[in-house]
N, C-alpha and C. Protein backbone atom coordinates (compact mmCIF):
# COMPACT_ATOMS: atom_id res chain seq x y z
N MET A 1 -16.22 38.12 -8.24
CA MET A 1 -16.44 37.00 -7.46
C MET A 1 -17.56 37.21 -6.40
N ALA A 2 -18.48 36.33 -6.22
CA ALA A 2 -19.55 36.53 -5.27
C ALA A 2 -19.07 36.45 -3.87
N VAL A 3 -19.68 37.26 -3.02
CA VAL A 3 -19.26 37.29 -1.61
C VAL A 3 -20.17 36.30 -0.79
N VAL A 4 -19.57 35.52 0.00
CA VAL A 4 -20.27 34.51 0.79
C VAL A 4 -20.39 35.06 2.23
N PRO A 5 -21.58 35.34 2.75
CA PRO A 5 -21.74 35.92 3.98
C PRO A 5 -21.26 35.10 5.11
N ARG A 6 -20.44 35.67 6.08
CA ARG A 6 -19.87 34.97 7.16
C ARG A 6 -20.98 34.40 7.99
N ALA A 7 -22.15 35.02 8.09
CA ALA A 7 -23.24 34.62 9.02
C ALA A 7 -23.84 33.30 8.57
N SER A 8 -23.53 32.84 7.38
CA SER A 8 -24.08 31.68 6.87
C SER A 8 -23.61 30.39 7.53
N GLY A 9 -22.38 30.47 8.07
CA GLY A 9 -21.85 29.30 8.85
C GLY A 9 -21.21 28.20 7.97
N ARG A 10 -20.27 27.51 8.47
CA ARG A 10 -19.59 26.53 7.76
C ARG A 10 -20.17 25.18 8.08
N THR A 11 -20.14 24.29 7.12
CA THR A 11 -20.54 22.96 7.30
C THR A 11 -19.47 21.87 6.86
N PRO A 12 -19.33 20.78 7.65
CA PRO A 12 -18.29 19.85 7.34
C PRO A 12 -18.45 19.23 5.97
N GLU A 13 -19.78 19.10 5.56
CA GLU A 13 -20.02 18.44 4.15
C GLU A 13 -19.47 19.32 3.07
N THR A 14 -19.66 20.69 3.24
CA THR A 14 -19.15 21.63 2.15
C THR A 14 -17.61 21.63 2.13
N ARG A 15 -17.14 21.61 3.32
CA ARG A 15 -15.59 21.59 3.40
C ARG A 15 -15.04 20.37 2.77
N GLU A 16 -15.66 19.18 3.03
CA GLU A 16 -15.17 17.94 2.47
C GLU A 16 -15.37 17.98 0.97
N ALA A 17 -16.45 18.52 0.49
CA ALA A 17 -16.71 18.52 -0.98
C ALA A 17 -15.63 19.40 -1.63
N LEU A 18 -15.22 20.51 -1.06
CA LEU A 18 -14.18 21.25 -1.70
C LEU A 18 -12.82 20.51 -1.68
N LEU A 19 -12.50 19.91 -0.61
CA LEU A 19 -11.25 19.14 -0.45
C LEU A 19 -11.26 17.96 -1.50
N ASN A 20 -12.41 17.25 -1.55
CA ASN A 20 -12.56 16.18 -2.47
C ASN A 20 -12.36 16.65 -3.91
N ALA A 21 -12.90 17.76 -4.22
CA ALA A 21 -12.75 18.31 -5.65
C ALA A 21 -11.37 18.65 -5.83
N ALA A 22 -10.59 19.34 -4.97
CA ALA A 22 -9.24 19.73 -5.05
C ALA A 22 -8.35 18.50 -5.31
N GLU A 23 -8.57 17.50 -4.46
CA GLU A 23 -7.84 16.25 -4.58
C GLU A 23 -8.01 15.60 -5.95
N ALA A 24 -9.10 15.49 -6.34
CA ALA A 24 -9.56 14.88 -7.65
C ALA A 24 -8.71 15.55 -8.80
N ILE A 25 -8.78 16.87 -8.80
CA ILE A 25 -8.15 17.67 -9.78
C ILE A 25 -6.62 17.50 -9.76
N MET A 26 -6.10 17.49 -8.54
CA MET A 26 -4.68 17.32 -8.33
C MET A 26 -4.19 16.00 -8.91
N LEU A 27 -4.86 14.86 -8.52
CA LEU A 27 -4.47 13.55 -8.97
C LEU A 27 -4.67 13.38 -10.50
N GLU A 28 -5.69 14.05 -11.08
CA GLU A 28 -6.02 13.81 -12.50
C GLU A 28 -5.07 14.74 -13.33
N GLU A 29 -4.84 15.97 -12.96
CA GLU A 29 -4.14 16.88 -13.79
C GLU A 29 -2.94 17.60 -13.21
N GLY A 30 -2.64 17.33 -11.99
CA GLY A 30 -1.49 17.99 -11.28
C GLY A 30 -1.93 19.18 -10.42
N TYR A 31 -1.07 19.52 -9.44
CA TYR A 31 -1.40 20.61 -8.55
C TYR A 31 -1.56 22.00 -9.24
N ALA A 32 -0.91 22.20 -10.35
CA ALA A 32 -1.07 23.47 -11.07
C ALA A 32 -2.49 23.72 -11.58
N ALA A 33 -3.23 22.62 -11.75
CA ALA A 33 -4.62 22.79 -12.35
C ALA A 33 -5.56 23.06 -11.25
N VAL A 34 -5.12 23.05 -9.95
CA VAL A 34 -6.14 23.35 -8.91
C VAL A 34 -6.24 24.79 -8.71
N THR A 35 -7.41 25.26 -9.08
CA THR A 35 -7.73 26.75 -8.95
C THR A 35 -9.08 26.85 -8.27
N THR A 36 -9.45 27.99 -7.74
CA THR A 36 -10.78 28.18 -7.07
C THR A 36 -11.96 27.89 -8.08
N ARG A 37 -11.69 28.32 -9.31
CA ARG A 37 -12.72 28.18 -10.36
C ARG A 37 -12.88 26.61 -10.67
N ARG A 38 -11.83 25.91 -10.79
CA ARG A 38 -11.91 24.58 -11.14
C ARG A 38 -12.56 23.70 -9.89
N ILE A 39 -12.09 24.11 -8.73
CA ILE A 39 -12.62 23.37 -7.62
C ILE A 39 -14.12 23.61 -7.48
N ALA A 40 -14.49 24.86 -7.59
CA ALA A 40 -15.95 25.22 -7.48
C ALA A 40 -16.81 24.44 -8.55
N ALA A 41 -16.35 24.42 -9.80
CA ALA A 41 -17.00 23.86 -10.84
C ALA A 41 -17.12 22.31 -10.63
N LYS A 42 -16.09 21.66 -10.18
CA LYS A 42 -16.16 20.21 -9.88
C LYS A 42 -17.03 19.93 -8.71
N ALA A 43 -17.06 20.70 -7.67
CA ALA A 43 -17.80 20.47 -6.45
C ALA A 43 -19.20 20.98 -6.67
N GLY A 44 -19.49 21.76 -7.70
CA GLY A 44 -20.87 22.37 -7.89
C GLY A 44 -21.19 23.41 -6.84
N LEU A 45 -20.08 24.29 -6.51
CA LEU A 45 -20.29 25.19 -5.45
C LEU A 45 -19.75 26.59 -5.91
N ASN A 46 -20.08 27.60 -5.17
CA ASN A 46 -19.60 28.93 -5.46
C ASN A 46 -18.10 29.02 -5.16
N SER A 47 -17.32 29.65 -6.15
CA SER A 47 -15.87 29.70 -5.96
C SER A 47 -15.37 30.45 -4.73
N ALA A 48 -16.22 31.40 -4.29
CA ALA A 48 -15.92 32.13 -3.06
C ALA A 48 -15.76 31.37 -1.83
N LEU A 49 -16.47 30.16 -1.87
CA LEU A 49 -16.45 29.27 -0.63
C LEU A 49 -15.04 28.74 -0.38
N VAL A 50 -14.16 28.66 -1.44
CA VAL A 50 -12.86 28.20 -1.11
C VAL A 50 -12.10 29.14 -0.18
N PHE A 51 -12.17 30.40 -0.33
CA PHE A 51 -11.59 31.43 0.61
C PHE A 51 -12.28 31.47 1.81
N TYR A 52 -13.60 31.26 1.80
CA TYR A 52 -14.38 31.31 3.05
C TYR A 52 -13.97 30.13 3.97
N TYR A 53 -13.77 28.99 3.41
CA TYR A 53 -13.36 27.89 4.30
C TYR A 53 -11.86 27.82 4.64
N PHE A 54 -10.96 28.29 3.72
CA PHE A 54 -9.60 28.02 3.81
C PHE A 54 -8.76 29.29 3.75
N ASP A 55 -9.43 30.49 3.57
CA ASP A 55 -8.65 31.78 3.51
C ASP A 55 -7.78 31.95 2.33
N SER A 56 -7.08 30.91 1.95
CA SER A 56 -6.10 31.08 0.77
C SER A 56 -5.85 29.77 0.21
N MET A 57 -5.31 29.77 -1.02
CA MET A 57 -4.94 28.49 -1.64
C MET A 57 -3.93 27.70 -0.78
N ASP A 58 -3.05 28.39 -0.17
CA ASP A 58 -2.13 27.72 0.80
C ASP A 58 -2.90 26.95 1.89
N GLY A 59 -3.90 27.67 2.41
CA GLY A 59 -4.74 27.10 3.41
C GLY A 59 -5.51 25.82 2.92
N LEU A 60 -5.95 25.90 1.74
CA LEU A 60 -6.58 24.71 1.16
C LEU A 60 -5.68 23.54 1.04
N PHE A 61 -4.51 23.90 0.39
CA PHE A 61 -3.46 22.75 0.23
C PHE A 61 -3.07 22.16 1.53
N ILE A 62 -2.84 22.97 2.50
CA ILE A 62 -2.49 22.54 3.83
C ILE A 62 -3.56 21.60 4.41
N ALA A 63 -4.72 21.99 4.37
CA ALA A 63 -5.92 21.21 4.84
C ALA A 63 -6.04 19.91 4.17
N LEU A 64 -5.74 19.96 2.81
CA LEU A 64 -5.75 18.78 1.92
C LEU A 64 -4.64 17.84 2.35
N PHE A 65 -3.41 18.39 2.53
CA PHE A 65 -2.29 17.54 2.98
C PHE A 65 -2.47 16.89 4.36
N ARG A 66 -3.05 17.75 5.30
CA ARG A 66 -3.25 17.24 6.66
C ARG A 66 -4.31 16.07 6.64
N ARG A 67 -5.24 16.19 5.81
CA ARG A 67 -6.27 15.15 5.70
C ARG A 67 -5.64 13.84 5.15
N GLY A 68 -4.84 13.97 4.14
CA GLY A 68 -4.22 12.83 3.51
C GLY A 68 -3.19 12.26 4.58
N ALA A 69 -2.50 13.11 5.34
CA ALA A 69 -1.48 12.61 6.28
C ALA A 69 -2.20 11.88 7.44
N GLN A 70 -3.42 12.36 7.82
CA GLN A 70 -4.15 11.58 8.84
C GLN A 70 -4.55 10.19 8.37
N GLU A 71 -4.99 10.13 7.12
CA GLU A 71 -5.35 8.86 6.52
C GLU A 71 -4.15 7.92 6.39
N THR A 72 -2.98 8.53 6.04
CA THR A 72 -1.73 7.75 5.91
C THR A 72 -1.34 7.23 7.27
N GLN A 73 -1.46 8.09 8.35
CA GLN A 73 -1.07 7.69 9.69
C GLN A 73 -1.89 6.45 10.13
N GLN A 74 -3.14 6.46 9.75
CA GLN A 74 -4.02 5.34 10.21
C GLN A 74 -3.54 4.09 9.45
N SER A 75 -3.15 4.17 8.20
CA SER A 75 -2.68 3.08 7.39
C SER A 75 -1.42 2.51 8.00
N TRP A 76 -0.52 3.54 8.38
CA TRP A 76 0.81 3.08 8.97
C TRP A 76 0.61 2.42 10.29
N ASP A 77 -0.34 2.98 11.13
CA ASP A 77 -0.55 2.40 12.45
C ASP A 77 -0.96 0.97 12.22
N ARG A 78 -1.86 0.68 11.25
CA ARG A 78 -2.30 -0.62 11.07
C ARG A 78 -1.28 -1.67 10.65
N VAL A 79 -0.47 -1.25 9.63
CA VAL A 79 0.51 -2.23 9.15
C VAL A 79 1.68 -2.40 10.17
N LEU A 80 2.01 -1.36 10.86
CA LEU A 80 3.15 -1.57 11.83
C LEU A 80 2.76 -2.35 13.10
N LYS A 81 1.42 -2.43 13.32
CA LYS A 81 0.97 -3.30 14.41
C LYS A 81 0.58 -4.63 14.00
N SER A 82 0.74 -4.89 12.64
CA SER A 82 0.31 -6.11 12.15
C SER A 82 1.35 -7.28 12.51
N ALA A 83 1.00 -8.50 12.16
CA ALA A 83 1.86 -9.62 12.35
C ALA A 83 3.02 -9.60 11.41
N GLN A 84 2.87 -8.97 10.25
CA GLN A 84 4.01 -8.83 9.26
C GLN A 84 4.23 -7.41 8.86
N PRO A 85 4.87 -6.66 9.75
CA PRO A 85 5.06 -5.24 9.48
C PRO A 85 5.89 -4.95 8.28
N LEU A 86 6.90 -5.80 7.96
CA LEU A 86 7.78 -5.47 6.81
C LEU A 86 6.95 -5.59 5.55
N TRP A 87 6.12 -6.69 5.41
CA TRP A 87 5.26 -6.79 4.31
C TRP A 87 4.30 -5.66 4.18
N GLY A 88 3.76 -5.24 5.29
CA GLY A 88 2.83 -4.05 5.39
C GLY A 88 3.42 -2.82 4.88
N VAL A 89 4.65 -2.50 5.35
CA VAL A 89 5.40 -1.31 4.98
C VAL A 89 5.68 -1.33 3.47
N TRP A 90 6.18 -2.44 2.96
CA TRP A 90 6.53 -2.52 1.51
C TRP A 90 5.28 -2.34 0.68
N ASP A 91 4.22 -2.95 1.03
CA ASP A 91 2.99 -2.96 0.24
C ASP A 91 2.38 -1.49 0.28
N LEU A 92 2.52 -0.89 1.44
CA LEU A 92 1.96 0.47 1.54
C LEU A 92 2.90 1.49 0.76
N LEU A 93 4.26 1.23 0.74
CA LEU A 93 5.03 2.11 -0.11
C LEU A 93 4.85 1.91 -1.48
N ARG A 94 4.37 0.71 -1.90
CA ARG A 94 4.22 0.40 -3.34
C ARG A 94 2.84 0.76 -3.78
N ASP A 95 2.02 1.30 -2.95
CA ASP A 95 0.63 1.76 -3.28
C ASP A 95 0.76 2.93 -4.14
N GLU A 96 0.37 2.85 -5.37
CA GLU A 96 0.34 3.91 -6.31
C GLU A 96 -0.50 5.13 -5.91
N SER A 97 -1.59 4.96 -5.31
CA SER A 97 -2.54 6.11 -4.92
C SER A 97 -1.82 7.03 -3.88
N HIS A 98 -1.18 6.39 -2.87
CA HIS A 98 -0.52 7.14 -1.91
C HIS A 98 0.73 7.88 -2.43
N THR A 99 1.48 7.19 -3.32
CA THR A 99 2.69 7.80 -3.89
C THR A 99 2.39 8.91 -4.82
N ALA A 100 1.31 8.82 -5.70
CA ALA A 100 0.94 9.85 -6.61
C ALA A 100 0.64 11.16 -5.90
N ARG A 101 -0.10 11.00 -4.81
CA ARG A 101 -0.43 12.16 -3.97
C ARG A 101 0.79 12.79 -3.37
N THR A 102 1.66 11.89 -2.81
CA THR A 102 2.86 12.45 -2.19
C THR A 102 3.68 13.22 -3.13
N MET A 103 3.91 12.68 -4.42
CA MET A 103 4.73 13.36 -5.37
C MET A 103 4.16 14.62 -5.75
N GLU A 104 2.90 14.83 -5.87
CA GLU A 104 2.22 16.04 -6.16
C GLU A 104 2.57 17.13 -5.12
N PHE A 105 2.43 16.68 -3.91
CA PHE A 105 2.72 17.65 -2.79
C PHE A 105 4.24 17.97 -2.74
N ILE A 106 5.11 17.10 -3.03
CA ILE A 106 6.49 17.33 -3.08
C ILE A 106 6.73 18.40 -4.17
N ALA A 107 6.10 18.28 -5.30
CA ALA A 107 6.33 19.30 -6.36
C ALA A 107 5.75 20.54 -5.93
N LEU A 108 4.56 20.61 -5.32
CA LEU A 108 3.96 21.73 -4.83
C LEU A 108 4.82 22.43 -3.78
N GLY A 109 5.46 21.65 -2.94
CA GLY A 109 6.32 22.18 -1.79
C GLY A 109 7.60 22.87 -2.34
N ASN A 110 7.99 22.60 -3.62
CA ASN A 110 9.13 23.34 -4.18
C ASN A 110 8.80 24.73 -4.48
N HIS A 111 7.46 25.07 -4.50
CA HIS A 111 6.97 26.39 -4.86
C HIS A 111 6.37 27.15 -3.78
N ARG A 112 5.96 26.44 -2.74
CA ARG A 112 5.16 27.06 -1.57
C ARG A 112 5.79 26.62 -0.28
N LYS A 113 6.44 27.58 0.39
CA LYS A 113 7.06 27.29 1.71
C LYS A 113 6.21 26.63 2.78
N ALA A 114 4.99 27.06 2.85
CA ALA A 114 4.07 26.66 3.77
C ALA A 114 3.79 25.13 3.63
N ILE A 115 3.73 24.70 2.40
CA ILE A 115 3.47 23.24 2.08
C ILE A 115 4.80 22.46 2.42
N ARG A 116 5.94 23.00 2.06
CA ARG A 116 7.21 22.35 2.31
C ARG A 116 7.39 22.17 3.86
N ALA A 117 6.94 23.07 4.70
CA ALA A 117 7.09 22.91 6.06
C ALA A 117 6.17 21.87 6.68
N GLU A 118 4.95 21.74 6.07
CA GLU A 118 4.01 20.67 6.38
C GLU A 118 4.56 19.33 6.10
N ILE A 119 5.18 19.27 4.92
CA ILE A 119 5.73 17.94 4.48
C ILE A 119 6.88 17.53 5.33
N ALA A 120 7.77 18.51 5.75
CA ALA A 120 8.86 18.17 6.63
C ALA A 120 8.46 17.74 7.91
N THR A 121 7.45 18.36 8.50
CA THR A 121 6.99 17.98 9.82
C THR A 121 6.32 16.60 9.79
N ALA A 122 5.50 16.39 8.83
CA ALA A 122 4.94 15.02 8.65
C ALA A 122 5.93 13.88 8.39
N ALA A 123 6.91 14.18 7.58
CA ALA A 123 7.92 13.15 7.22
C ALA A 123 8.71 12.79 8.47
N LYS A 124 9.11 13.78 9.32
CA LYS A 124 9.87 13.39 10.55
C LYS A 124 8.95 12.63 11.51
N ARG A 125 7.73 12.93 11.54
CA ARG A 125 6.74 12.19 12.47
C ARG A 125 6.61 10.79 11.98
N PHE A 126 6.38 10.54 10.70
CA PHE A 126 6.25 9.16 10.15
C PHE A 126 7.55 8.33 10.27
N HIS A 127 8.69 9.08 10.01
CA HIS A 127 9.98 8.32 10.17
C HIS A 127 10.19 7.89 11.62
N HIS A 128 9.83 8.71 12.56
CA HIS A 128 10.05 8.34 14.00
C HIS A 128 9.14 7.23 14.35
N MET A 129 7.91 7.16 13.85
CA MET A 129 6.95 6.08 14.02
C MET A 129 7.37 4.79 13.39
N GLN A 130 7.81 4.87 12.07
CA GLN A 130 8.31 3.77 11.43
C GLN A 130 9.56 3.17 12.08
N ARG A 131 10.48 4.10 12.52
CA ARG A 131 11.70 3.60 13.14
C ARG A 131 11.48 2.78 14.44
N LYS A 132 10.62 3.35 15.27
CA LYS A 132 10.32 2.75 16.48
C LYS A 132 9.63 1.33 16.35
N ALA A 133 8.62 1.18 15.45
CA ALA A 133 7.97 -0.05 15.19
C ALA A 133 8.82 -1.05 14.59
N LEU A 134 9.61 -0.67 13.53
CA LEU A 134 10.43 -1.65 12.80
C LEU A 134 11.59 -2.03 13.55
N ALA A 135 12.06 -1.14 14.38
CA ALA A 135 13.27 -1.61 15.22
C ALA A 135 12.82 -2.75 16.12
N ARG A 136 11.58 -2.76 16.66
CA ARG A 136 11.19 -3.86 17.45
C ARG A 136 11.04 -5.11 16.63
N ALA A 137 10.50 -4.96 15.47
CA ALA A 137 10.27 -6.14 14.57
C ALA A 137 11.60 -6.71 14.16
N LEU A 138 12.51 -5.92 13.73
CA LEU A 138 13.82 -6.35 13.26
C LEU A 138 14.61 -7.09 14.37
N GLU A 139 14.58 -6.50 15.60
CA GLU A 139 15.20 -7.15 16.82
C GLU A 139 14.56 -8.52 17.06
N SER A 140 13.22 -8.59 16.87
CA SER A 140 12.47 -9.81 17.15
C SER A 140 12.93 -10.93 16.11
N TYR A 141 13.29 -10.46 14.95
CA TYR A 141 13.75 -11.38 13.87
C TYR A 141 15.25 -11.79 14.01
N GLY A 142 15.96 -11.22 14.98
CA GLY A 142 17.37 -11.39 15.15
C GLY A 142 18.30 -10.76 14.14
N VAL A 143 17.79 -9.65 13.52
CA VAL A 143 18.67 -8.87 12.62
C VAL A 143 19.62 -8.05 13.32
N ASP A 144 20.78 -8.04 12.91
CA ASP A 144 21.87 -7.28 13.45
C ASP A 144 21.67 -5.75 13.21
N ALA A 145 21.42 -4.96 14.23
CA ALA A 145 21.03 -3.63 14.14
C ALA A 145 22.23 -2.81 13.58
N GLU A 146 23.49 -3.19 13.83
CA GLU A 146 24.68 -2.55 13.32
C GLU A 146 24.77 -2.72 11.90
N GLN A 147 24.55 -3.94 11.39
CA GLN A 147 24.72 -4.33 9.97
C GLN A 147 23.52 -3.74 9.09
N TRP A 148 22.37 -3.74 9.80
CA TRP A 148 21.12 -3.22 9.18
C TRP A 148 20.48 -2.19 10.02
N PRO A 149 20.96 -0.96 10.08
CA PRO A 149 20.37 0.06 10.83
C PRO A 149 18.91 0.28 10.45
N VAL A 150 17.97 0.39 11.33
CA VAL A 150 16.62 0.57 10.98
C VAL A 150 16.25 1.74 10.09
N SER A 151 16.92 2.83 10.36
CA SER A 151 16.73 3.97 9.49
C SER A 151 17.18 3.78 8.11
N SER A 152 18.21 3.01 7.97
CA SER A 152 18.70 2.74 6.61
C SER A 152 17.72 1.87 5.88
N VAL A 153 17.13 0.87 6.63
CA VAL A 153 16.19 -0.11 5.98
C VAL A 153 15.00 0.74 5.49
N ILE A 154 14.51 1.66 6.39
CA ILE A 154 13.40 2.54 5.92
C ILE A 154 13.67 3.33 4.72
N VAL A 155 14.91 3.97 4.64
CA VAL A 155 15.28 4.78 3.53
C VAL A 155 15.37 3.92 2.20
N MET A 156 15.98 2.74 2.36
CA MET A 156 16.08 1.89 1.18
C MET A 156 14.82 1.36 0.69
N LEU A 157 13.92 0.92 1.57
CA LEU A 157 12.70 0.50 1.12
C LEU A 157 11.81 1.67 0.45
N THR A 158 11.83 2.84 1.04
CA THR A 158 11.11 3.93 0.57
C THR A 158 11.68 4.40 -0.73
N GLY A 159 12.99 4.44 -0.84
CA GLY A 159 13.67 4.91 -2.08
C GLY A 159 13.42 3.95 -3.23
N ILE A 160 13.55 2.68 -2.97
CA ILE A 160 13.31 1.79 -4.03
C ILE A 160 11.93 1.81 -4.46
N ALA A 161 10.98 1.78 -3.51
CA ALA A 161 9.49 1.82 -3.99
C ALA A 161 9.09 3.05 -4.78
N ARG A 162 9.58 4.11 -4.27
CA ARG A 162 9.24 5.45 -4.90
C ARG A 162 9.92 5.52 -6.29
N TYR A 163 11.11 5.12 -6.45
CA TYR A 163 11.82 5.09 -7.76
C TYR A 163 11.08 4.26 -8.75
N LEU A 164 10.71 3.10 -8.30
CA LEU A 164 10.02 2.18 -9.25
C LEU A 164 8.65 2.75 -9.66
N LEU A 165 7.98 3.37 -8.84
CA LEU A 165 6.66 3.99 -9.10
C LEU A 165 6.84 5.20 -10.03
N ILE A 166 7.86 5.87 -9.89
CA ILE A 166 8.12 7.13 -10.78
C ILE A 166 8.39 6.56 -12.17
N GLU A 167 9.26 5.45 -12.28
CA GLU A 167 9.57 5.03 -13.60
C GLU A 167 8.37 4.35 -14.26
N GLU A 168 7.55 3.66 -13.47
CA GLU A 168 6.36 2.99 -13.95
C GLU A 168 5.38 3.98 -14.55
N ALA A 169 5.32 5.20 -13.96
CA ALA A 169 4.37 6.13 -14.45
C ALA A 169 4.70 6.57 -15.89
N PHE A 170 6.02 6.33 -16.31
CA PHE A 170 6.38 6.63 -17.69
C PHE A 170 6.50 5.36 -18.51
N ASP A 171 5.99 4.29 -17.85
CA ASP A 171 5.96 2.98 -18.57
C ASP A 171 7.44 2.44 -18.82
N VAL A 172 8.27 2.79 -17.81
CA VAL A 172 9.63 2.30 -17.87
C VAL A 172 9.80 1.25 -16.75
N ARG A 173 10.06 0.00 -17.07
CA ARG A 173 10.11 -1.11 -16.18
C ARG A 173 11.32 -1.97 -16.14
N LEU A 174 12.38 -1.53 -16.76
CA LEU A 174 13.57 -2.32 -16.92
C LEU A 174 14.18 -2.62 -15.53
N GLY A 175 14.30 -3.94 -15.18
CA GLY A 175 14.79 -4.42 -13.93
C GLY A 175 13.88 -4.29 -12.78
N HIS A 176 12.62 -3.82 -13.07
CA HIS A 176 11.70 -3.64 -11.92
C HIS A 176 11.26 -5.02 -11.27
N ALA A 177 10.89 -5.91 -12.08
CA ALA A 177 10.41 -7.30 -11.70
C ALA A 177 11.59 -7.90 -10.79
N GLU A 178 12.80 -7.79 -11.26
CA GLU A 178 13.87 -8.38 -10.54
C GLU A 178 14.15 -7.73 -9.20
N THR A 179 13.89 -6.35 -9.29
CA THR A 179 14.22 -5.65 -7.98
C THR A 179 13.11 -5.98 -6.97
N VAL A 180 11.86 -5.94 -7.40
CA VAL A 180 10.83 -6.33 -6.46
C VAL A 180 10.92 -7.74 -5.94
N ALA A 181 11.39 -8.69 -6.79
CA ALA A 181 11.61 -10.03 -6.44
C ALA A 181 12.70 -10.17 -5.30
N LEU A 182 13.75 -9.37 -5.52
CA LEU A 182 14.88 -9.33 -4.54
C LEU A 182 14.53 -8.82 -3.23
N VAL A 183 13.81 -7.71 -3.19
CA VAL A 183 13.30 -7.17 -1.90
C VAL A 183 12.38 -8.10 -1.19
N GLU A 184 11.42 -8.67 -1.97
CA GLU A 184 10.44 -9.57 -1.31
C GLU A 184 11.02 -10.89 -0.89
N ALA A 185 12.08 -11.27 -1.51
CA ALA A 185 12.73 -12.50 -1.04
C ALA A 185 13.34 -12.32 0.37
N GLU A 186 14.00 -11.11 0.52
CA GLU A 186 14.55 -10.78 1.79
C GLU A 186 13.51 -10.63 2.94
N ILE A 187 12.31 -10.06 2.52
CA ILE A 187 11.23 -9.89 3.47
C ILE A 187 10.73 -11.30 3.85
N ARG A 188 10.61 -12.21 2.87
CA ARG A 188 10.13 -13.48 3.03
C ARG A 188 11.00 -14.29 4.01
N LYS A 189 12.31 -14.05 3.95
CA LYS A 189 13.21 -14.76 4.83
C LYS A 189 12.88 -14.46 6.25
N LEU A 190 12.42 -13.22 6.54
CA LEU A 190 12.14 -12.78 7.95
C LEU A 190 10.74 -13.02 8.32
N GLU A 191 9.74 -12.85 7.44
CA GLU A 191 8.37 -12.92 7.87
C GLU A 191 7.56 -14.00 7.16
N GLY A 192 8.22 -14.81 6.35
CA GLY A 192 7.41 -15.86 5.67
C GLY A 192 6.65 -15.29 4.53
N VAL A 193 5.81 -16.13 3.94
CA VAL A 193 4.94 -15.77 2.81
C VAL A 193 3.95 -14.70 3.29
N ARG A 194 3.75 -13.72 2.41
CA ARG A 194 2.74 -12.65 2.75
C ARG A 194 1.41 -13.26 3.05
N GLN A 195 0.79 -12.84 4.19
CA GLN A 195 -0.53 -13.34 4.49
C GLN A 195 -1.54 -12.29 4.24
N PRO A 196 -2.88 -12.76 4.04
CA PRO A 196 -3.86 -11.66 3.74
C PRO A 196 -3.98 -10.74 4.94
N ALA A 197 -4.30 -9.48 4.50
CA ALA A 197 -4.51 -8.51 5.60
C ALA A 197 -5.80 -8.75 6.26
N GLU A 198 -6.15 -7.89 7.30
CA GLU A 198 -7.44 -8.03 7.93
C GLU A 198 -8.47 -7.84 6.92
N GLY A 199 -9.63 -8.71 7.07
CA GLY A 199 -10.71 -8.61 6.15
C GLY A 199 -10.46 -9.52 4.92
N GLY A 200 -9.34 -10.29 4.98
CA GLY A 200 -9.08 -11.25 3.87
C GLY A 200 -8.60 -10.55 2.59
N VAL A 201 -8.22 -9.41 2.67
CA VAL A 201 -7.78 -8.71 1.42
C VAL A 201 -6.22 -8.61 1.49
N VAL A 202 -5.55 -9.12 0.46
CA VAL A 202 -4.13 -9.08 0.29
C VAL A 202 -3.79 -7.73 -0.05
N THR A 203 -2.71 -7.11 0.56
CA THR A 203 -2.38 -5.72 0.32
C THR A 203 -1.66 -5.54 -0.99
N ALA A 204 -1.08 -6.56 -1.58
CA ALA A 204 -0.46 -6.41 -2.90
C ALA A 204 -0.65 -7.70 -3.67
N ALA A 205 -0.41 -7.71 -4.92
CA ALA A 205 -0.74 -8.79 -5.70
C ALA A 205 0.37 -9.86 -5.70
N ALA A 206 1.61 -9.36 -5.59
CA ALA A 206 2.76 -10.35 -5.69
C ALA A 206 2.93 -11.00 -4.34
N GLY A 207 3.74 -12.01 -4.41
CA GLY A 207 4.22 -12.61 -3.14
C GLY A 207 3.35 -13.86 -2.61
C-alpha cells in the first residue's frame, strides 16, 4: 500500500469524494462490499487516503453515518416545522433512499460496536426532537395524549413505514396499499389533504 505523506494536507473535496464513493458502494452492494480498494477505485484515488483521512474503516463508517445523520436532521427540522408535520413525517419515513441507508447501517452496527453506539445516540436525539414537535402538533389538533401517546405514534408510524419498505424491497406488497390508505386516512382527518412542500414539490405521490 502506498504511503501518503502527512505533510500533503487534507482537503474537504478529497474527503467528500471518499465518503461519496463509500456511500455509493454501500447502497449498491451493501456495507460488506465497502473496502479501501473499492472506495479508492470508485473515487479514482489512492487507497492509502482512506486511512489518512479516517484512520480506520470504523472511522470512515462513523464519518459517513454522521454526514447522513446531519442531512436527516435538516430534513426532520424542515418537516416538523411545516404546516403539516404528520404528512411530512410519514412521507420522510416512506422515503426509500433514507431507509435503505438506515438499514445498511443497522446491519453494520450488528458487527461493529462503534457504529452501534453512533446509531443509538442519533436515534435518541431524533426521537426526542420528533416527540417534542409532534406533541405540540397533536395537542393543537385536539388529540387525546393519553389515548394516543406521542411516543407510541412515532413508533407506529416508523414501524409501519420501515416494515413496508423492507417487504417492498423483496417485491412483497400484500396489504400494503390498504395499510398506507389506512394511515393516510387518519392523517388526513387531522391535517387535511397533503399540500405541496416548499418549492411546489409534493413529498410523496399518494394522497
